[in-house]
N, C-alpha and C. Protein backbone atom coordinates (compact mmCIF):
# COMPACT_ATOMS: atom_id res chain seq x y z
N MET A 1 109.92 103.05 113.14
CA MET A 1 108.85 102.10 113.29
C MET A 1 108.50 101.56 111.92
N PHE A 2 108.19 100.28 111.90
CA PHE A 2 107.84 99.59 110.67
C PHE A 2 106.57 98.78 110.87
N ALA A 3 105.85 98.54 109.79
CA ALA A 3 104.72 97.62 109.80
C ALA A 3 105.08 96.51 108.84
N LEU A 4 104.85 95.26 109.23
CA LEU A 4 105.17 94.11 108.41
C LEU A 4 103.89 93.48 107.87
N ASN A 5 103.79 93.39 106.56
CA ASN A 5 102.68 92.71 105.91
C ASN A 5 103.01 91.23 105.92
N LEU A 6 102.29 90.45 106.71
CA LEU A 6 102.60 89.02 106.84
C LEU A 6 102.28 88.24 105.58
N GLY A 7 101.38 88.74 104.73
CA GLY A 7 101.04 88.06 103.50
C GLY A 7 102.14 88.15 102.46
N THR A 8 102.74 89.35 102.33
CA THR A 8 103.77 89.56 101.32
C THR A 8 105.18 89.61 101.90
N CYS A 9 105.27 89.64 103.22
CA CYS A 9 106.56 89.76 103.94
C CYS A 9 107.27 91.07 103.59
N GLU A 10 106.51 92.12 103.27
CA GLU A 10 107.08 93.43 102.97
C GLU A 10 106.95 94.34 104.18
N ALA A 11 108.01 95.09 104.46
CA ALA A 11 108.00 96.04 105.57
C ALA A 11 107.72 97.43 105.03
N THR A 12 106.91 98.20 105.76
CA THR A 12 106.60 99.58 105.42
C THR A 12 107.14 100.48 106.52
N TYR A 13 107.97 101.44 106.15
CA TYR A 13 108.49 102.40 107.13
C TYR A 13 107.39 103.38 107.51
N LEU A 14 107.11 103.51 108.80
CA LEU A 14 106.06 104.40 109.29
C LEU A 14 106.61 105.74 109.75
N GLY A 15 107.81 105.77 110.25
CA GLY A 15 108.41 106.99 110.78
C GLY A 15 109.16 106.68 112.05
N ASP A 16 109.62 107.73 112.73
CA ASP A 16 110.31 107.52 114.00
C ASP A 16 109.85 108.54 115.02
N ALA A 17 109.90 108.15 116.26
CA ALA A 17 109.55 109.01 117.38
C ALA A 17 110.44 108.59 118.54
N PRO A 18 111.67 109.13 118.62
CA PRO A 18 112.59 108.73 119.67
C PRO A 18 111.96 108.85 121.06
N GLY A 19 112.04 107.77 121.81
CA GLY A 19 111.50 107.75 123.16
C GLY A 19 110.03 107.38 123.24
N TYR A 20 109.37 107.29 122.09
CA TYR A 20 107.94 106.96 122.09
C TYR A 20 107.62 106.27 120.77
N SER A 21 107.38 104.98 120.82
CA SER A 21 107.06 104.27 119.57
C SER A 21 105.93 103.29 119.81
N ARG A 22 104.73 103.74 119.54
CA ARG A 22 103.55 102.89 119.71
C ARG A 22 102.54 103.21 118.62
N PRO A 23 102.83 102.79 117.39
CA PRO A 23 101.84 103.01 116.33
C PRO A 23 100.62 102.14 116.58
N THR A 24 99.48 102.56 116.06
CA THR A 24 98.23 101.81 116.21
C THR A 24 97.67 101.55 114.83
N VAL A 25 97.36 100.29 114.55
CA VAL A 25 96.81 99.90 113.26
C VAL A 25 95.36 99.47 113.48
N ALA A 26 94.45 99.96 112.64
CA ALA A 26 93.04 99.60 112.74
C ALA A 26 92.85 98.14 112.33
N LEU A 27 91.92 97.45 112.96
CA LEU A 27 91.68 96.04 112.66
C LEU A 27 91.00 95.81 111.32
N GLU A 28 90.04 96.64 110.98
CA GLU A 28 89.23 96.40 109.79
C GLU A 28 89.64 97.22 108.58
N TYR A 29 90.60 98.15 108.74
CA TYR A 29 90.99 99.04 107.66
C TYR A 29 92.51 99.10 107.59
N ASP A 30 93.05 99.77 106.59
CA ASP A 30 94.49 99.96 106.47
C ASP A 30 94.93 101.27 107.09
N ALA A 31 94.19 101.76 108.09
CA ALA A 31 94.52 103.02 108.74
C ALA A 31 95.51 102.78 109.87
N VAL A 32 96.42 103.74 110.05
CA VAL A 32 97.42 103.65 111.10
C VAL A 32 97.66 105.04 111.67
N THR A 33 97.84 105.12 112.99
CA THR A 33 98.26 106.37 113.62
C THR A 33 99.70 106.18 114.08
N VAL A 34 100.53 107.15 113.76
CA VAL A 34 101.96 107.08 114.09
C VAL A 34 102.31 108.26 114.97
N PRO A 35 102.94 108.02 116.13
CA PRO A 35 103.31 109.12 117.00
C PRO A 35 104.42 109.97 116.37
N VAL A 36 104.34 111.28 116.60
CA VAL A 36 105.34 112.23 116.14
C VAL A 36 105.80 113.02 117.36
N THR A 37 107.10 113.06 117.59
CA THR A 37 107.61 113.79 118.75
C THR A 37 108.12 115.16 118.31
N HIS A 38 108.06 116.10 119.23
CA HIS A 38 108.49 117.47 118.99
C HIS A 38 109.45 117.86 120.12
N GLY A 39 110.60 117.19 120.16
CA GLY A 39 111.55 117.47 121.24
C GLY A 39 110.98 117.04 122.57
N ALA A 40 110.97 117.95 123.53
CA ALA A 40 110.45 117.64 124.86
C ALA A 40 108.96 117.96 124.97
N GLY A 41 108.34 118.40 123.89
CA GLY A 41 106.93 118.75 123.91
C GLY A 41 106.03 117.53 123.85
N ALA A 42 104.76 117.78 123.73
CA ALA A 42 103.77 116.72 123.69
C ALA A 42 103.87 115.91 122.40
N VAL A 43 103.48 114.66 122.48
CA VAL A 43 103.44 113.78 121.32
C VAL A 43 102.15 114.05 120.54
N SER A 44 102.25 114.15 119.23
CA SER A 44 101.06 114.23 118.40
C SER A 44 101.01 112.97 117.52
N PHE A 45 99.95 112.80 116.79
CA PHE A 45 99.81 111.60 115.97
C PHE A 45 99.49 111.98 114.53
N ARG A 46 100.11 111.25 113.62
CA ARG A 46 99.86 111.40 112.19
C ARG A 46 99.02 110.20 111.77
N VAL A 47 97.94 110.44 111.04
CA VAL A 47 97.06 109.37 110.58
C VAL A 47 97.36 109.12 109.11
N GLY A 48 97.53 107.85 108.76
CA GLY A 48 97.81 107.49 107.38
C GLY A 48 97.21 106.14 107.05
N THR A 49 97.57 105.63 105.90
CA THR A 49 97.10 104.30 105.47
C THR A 49 98.28 103.44 105.10
N LEU A 50 98.09 102.15 105.20
CA LEU A 50 99.09 101.18 104.77
C LEU A 50 98.71 100.72 103.37
N GLY A 51 99.69 100.55 102.53
CA GLY A 51 99.42 100.00 101.21
C GLY A 51 99.46 100.95 100.16
């Protein structure tokens, strides 16, 4: 999964989660949650920032 900065046209690698890829980016902040898979187990989320 990648996030694209439309102002600079730079891509940021967020990570990968085979079978589940739905990162969420906050509207007012540079915060992002990225899904993390653990095989057949439940999906967890890693919280980070862009930039």
